Amino acid sequence: MKGIVDRIEENVVVIEVGGSTQDVDRSLVSQDVREGSVVQFDGKQWILLEEETHERSKRIQEKMRNLFE
């Protein structure tokens, strides 16, 4: 199961999965995630998908650049 980190609160990470959000205990999420990170549940915890996060960031930056041209 994949998701996108919506926000990080004190002990909760809010992850968007399939159009809805899930509140996940911070201890179940890899420490290197941040808002906007693409994550995947490996059966034990949510781990960062670095390559997908990077590609997602590039797409967003390109859309923003095109929007203001």
PDB file of N, CA and C in Angstrom:
ATOM      1  N   MET A   1       0.845  -1.160   0.000  1.00  0.00           N
ATOM      2  CA  MET A   1       0.000   0.000   0.000  1.00  0.00           C
ATOM      3  C   MET A   1       0.900   1.236   0.000  1.00  0.00           C
ATOM      4  N   LYS A   2       0.636   2.169  -0.920  1.00  0.00           N
ATOM      5  CA  LYS A   2       1.416   3.401  -1.026  1.00  0.00           C
ATOM      6  C   LYS A   2       0.568   4.590  -0.600  1.00  0.00           C
ATOM      7  N   GLY A   3       1.248   5.636  -0.150  1.00  0.00           N
ATOM      8  CA  GLY A   3       0.567   6.856   0.227  1.00  0.00           C
ATOM      9  C   GLY A   3       1.500   8.042   0.139  1.00  0.00           C
ATOM     10  N   ILE A   4       0.949   9.214   0.433  1.00  0.00           N
ATOM     11  CA  ILE A   4       1.713  10.455   0.445  1.00  0.00           C
ATOM     12  C   ILE A   4       1.523  11.107   1.807  1.00  0.00           C
ATOM     13  N   VAL A   5       2.627  11.520   2.409  1.00  0.00           N
ATOM     14  CA  VAL A   5       2.556  12.165   3.721  1.00  0.00           C
ATOM     15  C   VAL A   5       1.928  13.541   3.548  1.00  0.00           C
ATOM     16  N   ASP A   6       0.791  13.741   4.180  1.00  0.00           N
ATOM     17  CA  ASP A   6       0.077  15.019   4.126  1.00  0.00           C
ATOM     18  C   ASP A   6       0.670  16.000   5.122  1.00  0.00           C
ATOM     19  N   ARG A   7       0.864  15.521   6.336  1.00  0.00           N
ATOM     20  CA  ARG A   7       1.448  16.388   7.377  1.00  0.00           C
ATOM     21  C   ARG A   7       1.955  15.524   8.519  1.00  0.00           C
ATOM     22  N   ILE A   8       2.837  16.133   9.303  1.00  0.00           N
ATOM     23  CA  ILE A   8       3.386  15.459  10.469  1.00  0.00           C
ATOM     24  C   ILE A   8       3.049  16.298  11.684  1.00  0.00           C
ATOM     25  N   GLU A   9       2.351  15.679  12.614  1.00  0.00           N
ATOM     26  CA  GLU A   9       2.005  16.341  13.859  1.00  0.00           C
ATOM     27  C   GLU A   9       2.881  15.738  14.949  1.00  0.00           C
ATOM     28  N   GLU A  10       2.653  16.040  16.193  1.00  0.00           N
ATOM     29  CA  GLU A  10       3.539  15.595  17.261  1.00  0.00           C
ATOM     30  C   GLU A  10       3.867  14.111  17.198  1.00  0.00           C
ATOM     31  N   ASN A  11       2.909  13.261  17.434  1.00  0.00           N
ATOM     32  CA  ASN A  11       3.138  11.817  17.434  1.00  0.00           C
ATOM     33  C   ASN A  11       2.348  11.099  16.354  1.00  0.00           C
ATOM     34  N   VAL A  12       1.850  11.878  15.386  1.00  0.00           N
ATOM     35  CA  VAL A  12       0.994  11.312  14.343  1.00  0.00           C
ATOM     36  C   VAL A  12       1.470  11.805  12.975  1.00  0.00           C
ATOM     37  N   VAL A  13       1.499  10.887  12.028  1.00  0.00           N
ATOM     38  CA  VAL A  13       1.766  11.242  10.634  1.00  0.00           C
ATOM     39  C   VAL A  13       0.470  10.999   9.873  1.00  0.00           C
ATOM     40  N   VAL A  14      -0.005  12.008   9.167  1.00  0.00           N
ATOM     41  CA  VAL A  14      -1.233  11.875   8.388  1.00  0.00           C
ATOM     42  C   VAL A  14      -0.820  11.501   6.968  1.00  0.00           C
ATOM     43  N   ILE A  15      -1.275  10.335   6.523  1.00  0.00           N
ATOM     44  CA  ILE A  15      -0.903   9.801   5.218  1.00  0.00           C
ATOM     45  C   ILE A  15      -2.151   9.679   4.361  1.00  0.00           C
ATOM     46  N   GLU A  16      -2.080  10.234   3.141  1.00  0.00           N
ATOM     47  CA  GLU A  16      -3.184  10.110   2.198  1.00  0.00           C
ATOM     48  C   GLU A  16      -3.009   8.823   1.410  1.00  0.00           C
ATOM     49  N   VAL A  17      -4.024   7.978   1.470  1.00  0.00           N
ATOM     50  CA  VAL A  17      -4.014   6.701   0.758  1.00  0.00           C
ATOM     51  C   VAL A  17      -5.334   6.575   0.013  1.00  0.00           C
ATOM     52  N   GLY A  18      -5.254   6.503  -1.294  1.00  0.00           N
ATOM     53  CA  GLY A  18      -6.464   6.290  -2.088  1.00  0.00           C
ATOM     54  C   GLY A  18      -7.527   7.352  -1.912  1.00  0.00           C
ATOM     55  N   GLY A  19      -7.130   8.585  -1.726  1.00  0.00           N
ATOM     56  CA  GLY A  19      -8.083   9.684  -1.615  1.00  0.00           C
ATOM     57  C   GLY A  19      -8.598   9.967  -0.218  1.00  0.00           C
ATOM     58  N   SER A  20      -8.245   9.147   0.748  1.00  0.00           N
ATOM     59  CA  SER A  20      -8.630   9.426   2.134  1.00  0.00           C
ATOM     60  C   SER A  20      -7.371   9.448   2.994  1.00  0.00           C
ATOM     61  N   THR A  21      -7.487  10.001   4.180  1.00  0.00           N
ATOM     62  CA  THR A  21      -6.323  10.122   5.046  1.00  0.00           C
ATOM     63  C   THR A  21      -6.386   9.129   6.199  1.00  0.00           C
ATOM     64  N   GLN A  22      -5.196   8.741   6.646  1.00  0.00           N
ATOM     65  CA  GLN A  22      -5.066   7.845   7.787  1.00  0.00           C
ATOM     66  C   GLN A  22      -4.111   8.478   8.779  1.00  0.00           C
ATOM     67  N   ASP A  23      -4.476   8.478  10.039  1.00  0.00           N
ATOM     68  CA  ASP A  23      -3.578   8.925  11.098  1.00  0.00           C
ATOM     69  C   ASP A  23      -2.749   7.728  11.529  1.00  0.00           C
ATOM     70  N   VAL A  24      -1.429   7.852  11.413  1.00  0.00           N
ATOM     71  CA  VAL A  24      -0.525   6.752  11.717  1.00  0.00           C
ATOM     72  C   VAL A  24       0.398   7.181  12.853  1.00  0.00           C
ATOM     73  N   ASP A  25       0.571   6.324  13.832  1.00  0.00           N
ATOM     74  CA  ASP A  25       1.483   6.616  14.934  1.00  0.00           C
ATOM     75  C   ASP A  25       2.888   6.851  14.381  1.00  0.00           C
ATOM     76  N   ARG A  26       3.543   7.894  14.871  1.00  0.00           N
ATOM     77  CA  ARG A  26       4.872   8.289  14.376  1.00  0.00           C
ATOM     78  C   ARG A  26       5.878   7.143  14.462  1.00  0.00           C
ATOM     79  N   SER A  27       5.722   6.268  15.432  1.00  0.00           N
ATOM     80  CA  SER A  27       6.662   5.157  15.595  1.00  0.00           C
ATOM     81  C   SER A  27       6.578   4.136  14.457  1.00  0.00           C
ATOM     82  N   LEU A  28       5.498   4.199  13.667  1.00  0.00           N
ATOM     83  CA  LEU A  28       5.317   3.267  12.554  1.00  0.00           C
ATOM     84  C   LEU A  28       5.764   3.848  11.219  1.00  0.00           C
ATOM     85  N   VAL A  29       6.394   5.030  11.270  1.00  0.00           N
ATOM     86  CA  VAL A  29       6.806   5.719  10.051  1.00  0.00           C
ATOM     87  C   VAL A  29       8.310   5.970  10.111  1.00  0.00           C
ATOM     88  N   SER A  30       8.978   5.686   9.016  1.00  0.00           N
ATOM     89  CA  SER A  30      10.416   5.913   8.916  1.00  0.00           C
ATOM     90  C   SER A  30      10.753   7.360   9.302  1.00  0.00           C
ATOM     91  N   GLN A  31      11.841   7.541  10.008  1.00  0.00           N
ATOM     92  CA  GLN A  31      12.223   8.862  10.519  1.00  0.00           C
ATOM     93  C   GLN A  31      12.595   9.860   9.421  1.00  0.00           C
ATOM     94  N   ASP A  32      12.923   9.380   8.214  1.00  0.00           N
ATOM     95  CA  ASP A  32      13.384  10.281   7.161  1.00  0.00           C
ATOM     96  C   ASP A  32      12.278  10.829   6.269  1.00  0.00           C
ATOM     97  N   VAL A  33      11.008  10.603   6.606  1.00  0.00           N
ATOM     98  CA  VAL A  33       9.919  11.152   5.798  1.00  0.00           C
ATOM     99  C   VAL A  33       9.645  12.596   6.186  1.00  0.00           C
ATOM    100  N   ARG A  34       9.055  13.325   5.260  1.00  0.00           N
ATOM    101  CA  ARG A  34       8.614  14.694   5.515  1.00  0.00           C
ATOM    102  C   ARG A  34       7.330  14.919   4.725  1.00  0.00           C
ATOM    103  N   GLU A  35       6.728  16.064   4.880  1.00  0.00           N
ATOM    104  CA  GLU A  35       5.499  16.352   4.152  1.00  0.00           C
ATOM    105  C   GLU A  35       5.754  16.224   2.657  1.00  0.00           C
ATOM    106  N   GLY A  36       4.855  15.527   1.973  1.00  0.00           N
ATOM    107  CA  GLY A  36       4.985  15.334   0.538  1.00  0.00           C
ATOM    108  C   GLY A  36       5.720  14.065   0.147  1.00  0.00           C
ATOM    109  N   SER A  37       6.308  13.363   1.110  1.00  0.00           N
ATOM    110  CA  SER A  37       7.035  12.127   0.808  1.00  0.00           C
ATOM    111  C   SER A  37       6.083  11.027   0.338  1.00  0.00           C
ATOM    112  N   VAL A  38       6.553  10.242  -0.623  1.00  0.00           N
ATOM    113  CA  VAL A  38       5.824   9.048  -1.042  1.00  0.00           C
ATOM    114  C   VAL A  38       6.318   7.916  -0.149  1.00  0.00           C
ATOM    115  N   VAL A  39       5.379   7.199   0.451  1.00  0.00           N
ATOM    116  CA  VAL A  39       5.718   6.132   1.387  1.00  0.00           C
ATOM    117  C   VAL A  39       4.979   4.853   1.015  1.00  0.00           C
ATOM    118  N   GLN A  40       5.507   3.735   1.520  1.00  0.00           N
ATOM    119  CA  GLN A  40       4.863   2.439   1.292  1.00  0.00           C
ATOM    120  C   GLN A  40       4.906   1.650   2.587  1.00  0.00           C
ATOM    121  N   PHE A  41       3.790   0.977   2.887  1.00  0.00           N
ATOM    122  CA  PHE A  41       3.729   0.142   4.076  1.00  0.00           C
ATOM    123  C   PHE A  41       4.322  -1.219   3.744  1.00  0.00           C
ATOM    124  N   ASP A  42       5.352  -1.626   4.504  1.00  0.00           N
ATOM    125  CA  ASP A  42       6.036  -2.895   4.219  1.00  0.00           C
ATOM    126  C   ASP A  42       5.565  -4.039   5.121  1.00  0.00           C
ATOM    127  N   GLY A  43       4.464  -3.818   5.805  1.00  0.00           N
ATOM    128  CA  GLY A  43       3.938  -4.825   6.718  1.00  0.00           C
ATOM    129  C   GLY A  43       4.266  -4.538   8.168  1.00  0.00           C
ATOM    130  N   LYS A  44       5.280  -3.705   8.389  1.00  0.00           N
ATOM    131  CA  LYS A  44       5.685  -3.329   9.746  1.00  0.00           C
ATOM    132  C   LYS A  44       5.657  -1.819   9.951  1.00  0.00           C
ATOM    133  N   GLN A  45       6.160  -1.096   8.949  1.00  0.00           N
ATOM    134  CA  GLN A  45       6.180   0.360   9.060  1.00  0.00           C
ATOM    135  C   GLN A  45       6.076   0.989   7.675  1.00  0.00           C
ATOM    136  N   TRP A  46       5.846   2.296   7.681  1.00  0.00           N
ATOM    137  CA  TRP A  46       5.790   3.066   6.448  1.00  0.00           C
ATOM    138  C   TRP A  46       7.214   3.514   6.132  1.00  0.00           C
ATOM    139  N   ILE A  47       7.688   3.171   4.930  1.00  0.00           N
ATOM    140  CA  ILE A  47       9.054   3.522   4.542  1.00  0.00           C
ATOM    141  C   ILE A  47       9.043   4.532   3.398  1.00  0.00           C
ATOM    142  N   LEU A  48      10.071   5.352   3.354  1.00  0.00           N
ATOM    143  CA  LEU A  48      10.220   6.364   2.313  1.00  0.00           C
ATOM    144  C   LEU A  48      10.589   5.711   0.992  1.00  0.00           C
ATOM    145  N   LEU A  49       9.910   6.133  -0.074  1.00  0.00           N
ATOM    146  CA  LEU A  49      10.265   5.727  -1.429  1.00  0.00           C
ATOM    147  C   LEU A  49      10.975   6.925  -2.061  1.00  0.00           C
ATOM    148  N   GLU A  50      12.298   6.946  -1.920  1.00  0.00           N
ATOM    149  CA  GLU A  50      13.083   8.118  -2.320  1.00  0.00           C
ATOM    150  C   GLU A  50      12.923   8.481  -3.786  1.00  0.00           C
ATOM    151  N   GLU A  51      13.047   7.506  -4.673  1.00  0.00           N
ATOM    152  CA  GLU A  51      12.976   7.786  -6.108  1.00  0.00           C
ATOM    153  C   GLU A  51      11.603   8.342  -6.491  1.00  0.00           C
ATOM    154  N   GLU A  52      10.539   7.737  -5.980  1.00  0.00           N
ATOM    155  CA  GLU A  52       9.188   8.219  -6.302  1.00  0.00           C
ATOM    156  C   GLU A  52       8.942   9.605  -5.711  1.00  0.00           C
ATOM    157  N   THR A  53       9.476   9.863  -4.523  1.00  0.00           N
ATOM    158  CA  THR A  53       9.344  11.188  -3.915  1.00  0.00           C
ATOM    159  C   THR A  53      10.058  12.227  -4.769  1.00  0.00           C
ATOM    160  N   HIS A  54      11.261  11.887  -5.228  1.00  0.00           N
ATOM    161  CA  HIS A  54      12.027  12.800  -6.072  1.00  0.00           C
ATOM    162  C   HIS A  54      11.291  13.083  -7.381  1.00  0.00           C
ATOM    163  N   GLU A  55      10.783  12.040  -8.025  1.00  0.00           N
ATOM    164  CA  GLU A  55      10.049  12.208  -9.285  1.00  0.00           C
ATOM    165  C   GLU A  55       8.780  13.039  -9.078  1.00  0.00           C
ATOM    166  N   ARG A  56       8.096  12.819  -7.984  1.00  0.00           N
ATOM    167  CA  ARG A  56       6.878  13.585  -7.686  1.00  0.00           C
ATOM    168  C   ARG A  56       7.219  15.064  -7.504  1.00  0.00           C
ATOM    169  N   SER A  57       8.293  15.341  -6.794  1.00  0.00           N
ATOM    170  CA  SER A  57       8.731  16.732  -6.583  1.00  0.00           C
ATOM    171  C   SER A  57       9.078  17.399  -7.903  1.00  0.00           C
ATOM    172  N   LYS A  58       9.760  16.679  -8.785  1.00  0.00           N
ATOM    173  CA  LYS A  58      10.110  17.236 -10.093  1.00  0.00           C
ATOM    174  C   LYS A  58       8.864  17.569 -10.897  1.00  0.00           C
ATOM    175  N   ARG A  59       7.874  16.667 -10.891  1.00  0.00           N
ATOM    176  CA  ARG A  59       6.630  16.922 -11.632  1.00  0.00           C
ATOM    177  C   ARG A  59       5.910  18.145 -11.097  1.00  0.00           C
ATOM    178  N   ILE A  60       5.861  18.282  -9.788  1.00  0.00           N
ATOM    179  CA  ILE A  60       5.186  19.431  -9.180  1.00  0.00           C
ATOM    180  C   ILE A  60       5.912  20.724  -9.533  1.00  0.00           C
ATOM    181  N   GLN A  61       7.246  20.710  -9.448  1.00  0.00           N
ATOM    182  CA  GLN A  61       8.025  21.906  -9.795  1.00  0.00           C
ATOM    183  C   GLN A  61       7.809  22.300 -11.250  1.00  0.00           C
ATOM    184  N   GLU A  62       7.763  21.312 -12.141  1.00  0.00           N
ATOM    185  CA  GLU A  62       7.544  21.589 -13.556  1.00  0.00           C
ATOM    186  C   GLU A  62       6.156  22.191 -13.786  1.00  0.00           C
ATOM    187  N   LYS A  63       5.152  21.652 -13.119  1.00  0.00           N
ATOM    188  CA  LYS A  63       3.801  22.209 -13.251  1.00  0.00           C
ATOM    189  C   LYS A  63       3.744  23.637 -12.740  1.00  0.00           C
ATOM    190  N   MET A  64       4.408  23.901 -11.627  1.00  0.00           N
ATOM    191  CA  MET A  64       4.422  25.265 -11.077  1.00  0.00           C
ATOM    192  C   MET A  64       5.140  26.223 -12.032  1.00  0.00           C
ATOM    193  N   ARG A  65       6.239  25.769 -12.604  1.00  0.00           N
ATOM    194  CA  ARG A  65       6.990  26.596 -13.546  1.00  0.00           C
ATOM    195  C   ARG A  65       6.118  26.913 -14.760  1.00  0.00           C
ATOM    196  N   ASN A  66       5.417  25.907 -15.300  1.00  0.00           N
ATOM    197  CA  ASN A  66       4.546  26.118 -16.457  1.00  0.00           C
ATOM    198  C   ASN A  66       3.370  27.025 -16.138  1.00  0.00           C
ATOM    199  N   LEU A  67       2.901  26.955 -14.917  1.00  0.00           N
ATOM    200  CA  LEU A  67       1.772  27.779 -14.502  1.00  0.00           C
ATOM    201  C   LEU A  67       2.114  29.266 -14.544  1.00  0.00           C
ATOM    202  N   PHE A  68       3.353  29.602 -14.208  1.00  0.00           N
ATOM    203  CA  PHE A  68       3.749  31.008 -14.115  1.00  0.00           C
ATOM    204  C   PHE A  68       4.490  31.523 -15.331  1.00  0.00           C
ATOM    205  N   GLU A  69       4.544  30.744 -16.393  1.00  0.00           N
ATOM    206  CA  GLU A  69       5.194  31.218 -17.630  1.00  0.00           C
ATOM    207  C   GLU A  69       4.229  31.937 -18.507  1.00  0.00           C
TER     208      GLU A  69
END
